[in-house]
C-alpha atoms as a PDB file:
ATOM      1  CA  UNK A   1     192.299 133.599 -32.990  1.00  0.00           C
ATOM      2  CA  UNK A   2     194.140 134.332 -29.780  1.00  0.00           C
ATOM      3  CA  UNK A   3     194.889 131.278 -27.364  1.00  0.00           C
ATOM      4  CA  UNK A   4     195.053 131.245 -23.665  1.00  0.00           C
ATOM      5  CA  UNK A   5     197.903 129.768 -21.499  1.00  0.00           C
ATOM      6  CA  UNK A   6     195.881 126.574 -20.984  1.00  0.00           C
ATOM      7  CA  UNK A   7     195.616 126.078 -24.861  1.00  0.00           C
ATOM      8  CA  UNK A   8     191.818 127.113 -25.131  1.00  0.00           C
ATOM      9  CA  UNK A   9     190.783 129.707 -27.610  1.00  0.00           C
ATOM     10  CA  UNK A  10     189.861 133.203 -26.314  1.00  0.00           C
ATOM     11  CA  UNK A  11     186.503 134.265 -27.576  1.00  0.00           C
ATOM     12  CA  UNK A  12     186.304 137.912 -28.258  1.00  0.00           C
ATOM     13  CA  UNK A  13     182.758 139.377 -28.316  1.00  0.00           C
ATOM     14  CA  UNK A  14     181.713 141.642 -31.220  1.00  0.00           C
ATOM     15  CA  UNK A  15     182.131 145.269 -30.784  1.00  0.00           C
ATOM     16  CA  UNK A  16     179.025 147.162 -29.457  1.00  0.00           C
ATOM     17  CA  UNK A  17     178.854 149.155 -32.850  1.00  0.00           C
ATOM     18  CA  UNK A  18     178.372 146.081 -34.857  1.00  0.00           C
ATOM     19  CA  UNK A  19     175.372 145.046 -32.717  1.00  0.00           C
ATOM     20  CA  UNK A  20     173.193 147.589 -34.468  1.00  0.00           C
ATOM     21  CA  UNK A  21     173.700 146.068 -37.776  1.00  0.00           C
ATOM     22  CA  UNK A  22     171.407 143.653 -39.340  1.00  0.00           C
ATOM     23  CA  UNK A  23     174.026 140.944 -39.960  1.00  0.00           C
ATOM     24  CA  UNK A  24     175.852 141.151 -36.501  1.00  0.00           C
ATOM     25  CA  UNK A  25     177.735 138.336 -34.896  1.00  0.00           C
ATOM     26  CA  UNK A  26     176.104 136.076 -32.328  1.00  0.00           C
ATOM     27  CA  UNK A  27     177.610 133.571 -30.070  1.00  0.00           C
ATOM     28  CA  UNK A  28     176.628 129.907 -30.683  1.00  0.00           C
ATOM     29  CA  UNK A  29     175.866 128.831 -27.136  1.00  0.00           C
ATOM     30  CA  UNK A  30     176.820 125.113 -27.673  1.00  0.00           C
ATOM     31  CA  UNK A  31     180.306 125.884 -29.148  1.00  0.00           C
ATOM     32  CA  UNK A  32     181.029 129.317 -27.714  1.00  0.00           C
ATOM     33  CA  UNK A  33     182.115 130.395 -31.309  1.00  0.00           C
ATOM     34  CA  UNK A  34     180.550 133.576 -32.876  1.00  0.00           C
ATOM     35  CA  UNK A  35     178.938 133.093 -36.068  1.00  0.00           C
ATOM     36  CA  UNK A  36     177.514 135.272 -38.880  1.00  0.00           C
ATOM     37  CA  UNK A  37     173.868 135.955 -38.426  1.00  0.00           C
ATOM     38  CA  UNK A  38     171.347 134.966 -39.885  1.00  0.00           C
ATOM     39  CA  UNK A  39     172.648 131.501 -40.608  1.00  0.00           C
ATOM     40  CA  UNK A  40     171.577 129.888 -43.969  1.00  0.00           C
ATOM     41  CA  UNK A  41     169.721 131.278 -46.912  1.00  0.00           C
ATOM     42  CA  UNK A  42     166.556 133.392 -46.856  1.00  0.00           C
ATOM     43  CA  UNK A  43     163.224 131.692 -46.633  1.00  0.00           C
ATOM     44  CA  UNK A  44     161.513 130.770 -49.880  1.00  0.00           C
ATOM     45  CA  UNK A  45     164.656 131.243 -51.856  1.00  0.00           C
ATOM     46  CA  UNK A  46     165.301 129.073 -54.956  1.00  0.00           C
ATOM     47  CA  UNK A  47     168.828 127.616 -54.940  1.00  0.00           C
ATOM     48  CA  UNK A  48     171.076 126.677 -57.783  1.00  0.00           C
ATOM     49  CA  UNK A  49     170.776 123.295 -59.200  1.00  0.00           C
ATOM     50  CA  UNK A  50     173.110 120.758 -57.414  1.00  0.00           C
ATOM     51  CA  UNK A  51     173.013 122.884 -54.208  1.00  0.00           C
ATOM     52  CA  UNK A  52     172.866 121.079 -50.943  1.00  0.00           C
ATOM     53  CA  UNK A  53     169.571 121.264 -49.329  1.00  0.00           C
ATOM     54  CA  UNK A  54     169.892 123.751 -46.394  1.00  0.00           C
ATOM     55  CA  UNK A  55     169.369 122.450 -42.851  1.00  0.00           C
ATOM     56  CA  UNK A  56     168.480 126.085 -41.594  1.00  0.00           C
ATOM     57  CA  UNK A  57     167.157 129.207 -42.987  1.00  0.00           C
ATOM     58  CA  UNK A  58     165.760 132.514 -41.953  1.00  0.00           C
ATOM     59  CA  UNK A  59     162.565 134.487 -42.521  1.00  0.00           C
ATOM     60  CA  UNK A  60     162.045 138.168 -42.133  1.00  0.00           C
ATOM     61  CA  UNK A  61     159.425 139.436 -39.606  1.00  0.00           C
ATOM     62  CA  UNK A  62     157.406 140.949 -42.588  1.00  0.00           C
ATOM     63  CA  UNK A  63     157.243 137.447 -44.207  1.00  0.00           C
ATOM     64  CA  UNK A  64     156.045 135.931 -40.920  1.00  0.00           C
ATOM     65  CA  UNK A  65     153.453 138.517 -40.324  1.00  0.00           C
ATOM     66  CA  UNK A  66     152.228 138.072 -44.042  1.00  0.00           C
ATOM     67  CA  UNK A  67     151.772 134.387 -43.166  1.00  0.00           C
ATOM     68  CA  UNK A  68     149.990 135.088 -39.874  1.00  0.00           C
ATOM     69  CA  UNK A  69     153.055 134.072 -37.926  1.00  0.00           C
ATOM     70  CA  UNK A  70     152.697 130.445 -39.040  1.00  0.00           C
ATOM     71  CA  UNK A  71     155.841 128.796 -38.201  1.00  0.00           C
ATOM     72  CA  UNK A  72     155.608 125.631 -40.129  1.00  0.00           C
ATOM     73  CA  UNK A  73     159.003 124.976 -41.481  1.00  0.00           C
ATOM     74  CA  UNK A  74     157.791 123.636 -44.809  1.00  0.00           C
ATOM     75  CA  UNK A  75     156.212 127.003 -45.576  1.00  0.00           C
ATOM     76  CA  UNK A  76     159.529 128.787 -45.668  1.00  0.00           C
ATOM     77  CA  UNK A  77     162.022 126.058 -46.672  1.00  0.00           C
ATOM     78  CA  UNK A  78     164.215 127.042 -49.587  1.00  0.00           C
ATOM     79  CA  UNK A  79     164.047 124.783 -52.642  1.00  0.00           C
ATOM     80  CA  UNK A  80     166.849 123.524 -54.776  1.00  0.00           C
ATOM     81  CA  UNK A  81     165.983 123.913 -58.524  1.00  0.00           C
ATOM     82  CA  UNK A  82     166.452 121.027 -60.903  1.00  0.00           C
ATOM     83  CA  UNK A  83     168.943 121.315 -63.722  1.00  0.00           C
ATOM     84  CA  UNK A  84     167.255 121.813 -67.118  1.00  0.00           C
ATOM     85  CA  UNK A  85     167.497 118.675 -69.262  1.00  0.00           C
ATOM     86  CA  UNK A  86     170.296 118.712 -71.807  1.00  0.00           C
ATOM     87  CA  UNK A  87     168.537 116.670 -74.361  1.00  0.00           C
ATOM     88  CA  UNK A  88     167.397 118.320 -77.688  1.00  0.00           C
ATOM     89  CA  UNK A  89     163.704 119.388 -77.375  1.00  0.00           C
ATOM     90  CA  UNK A  90     163.043 117.908 -80.831  1.00  0.00           C
ATOM     91  CA  UNK A  91     164.113 114.526 -79.334  1.00  0.00           C
ATOM     92  CA  UNK A  92     161.846 114.733 -76.462  1.00  0.00           C
ATOM     93  CA  UNK A  93     158.931 115.755 -78.556  1.00  0.00           C
ATOM     94  CA  UNK A  94     159.515 112.815 -80.808  1.00  0.00           C
ATOM     95  CA  UNK A  95     159.654 110.531 -77.724  1.00  0.00           C
ATOM     96  CA  UNK A  96     156.445 111.880 -76.464  1.00  0.00           C
ATOM     97  CA  UNK A  97     154.681 111.363 -79.839  1.00  0.00           C
ATOM     98  CA  UNK A  98     155.858 107.743 -79.941  1.00  0.00           C
ATOM     99  CA  UNK A  99     154.502 107.117 -76.432  1.00  0.00           C
ATOM    100  CA  UNK A 100     151.164 108.714 -77.514  1.00  0.00           C
ATOM    101  CA  UNK A 101     150.972 106.576 -80.741  1.00  0.00           C
ATOM    102  CA  UNK A 102     151.496 103.370 -78.556  1.00  0.00           C
ATOM    103  CA  UNK A 103     148.767 104.516 -76.341  1.00  0.00           C
ATOM    104  CA  UNK A 104     146.446 105.334 -79.241  1.00  0.00           C
ATOM    105  CA  UNK A 105     147.080 101.894 -80.775  1.00  0.00           C
ATOM    106  CA  UNK A 106     146.332 100.183 -77.430  1.00  0.00           C
ATOM    107  CA  UNK A 107     143.068 102.080 -77.005  1.00  0.00           C
ATOM    108  CA  UNK A 108     142.037 101.222 -80.479  1.00  0.00           C
ATOM    109  CA  UNK A 109     142.634  97.591 -79.835  1.00  0.00           C
ATOM    110  CA  UNK A 110     140.674  97.796 -76.613  1.00  0.00           C
ATOM    111  CA  UNK A 111     137.850  99.616 -78.497  1.00  0.00           C
ATOM    112  CA  UNK A 112     137.514  96.838 -80.931  1.00  0.00           C
ATOM    113  CA  UNK A 113     137.447  94.176 -78.371  1.00  0.00           C
ATOM    114  CA  UNK A 114     134.760  95.950 -76.402  1.00  0.00           C
ATOM    115  CA  UNK A 115     132.629  96.507 -79.401  1.00  0.00           C
ATOM    116  CA  UNK A 116     132.981  92.800 -80.567  1.00  0.00           C
ATOM    117  CA  UNK A 117     131.530  91.505 -77.376  1.00  0.00           C
END
């Protein structure tokens, strides 16, 4: 980045030919720095497990029109998928069966108490 004589960065605007492209550069008004547009992931995208939850995302005009231009952020927010459990599926099934047996025993005890009254 070029620097001026008073030690400030010189911001060079994008060329006019890049303005016609979909992902053209735009200047961040608060910092004066050009950034890639659009920022963040696309709306409704499922992100990899362990990814940081995005603070910004974008939606296409087509998607907005399909949702009757509803601008509720929750409608478009990308989601971070959860990692699949690394446990053996057979162990998980055994654990669920043990829990169900405990529930069944408790219900049988409750039924005998209710019937004896």
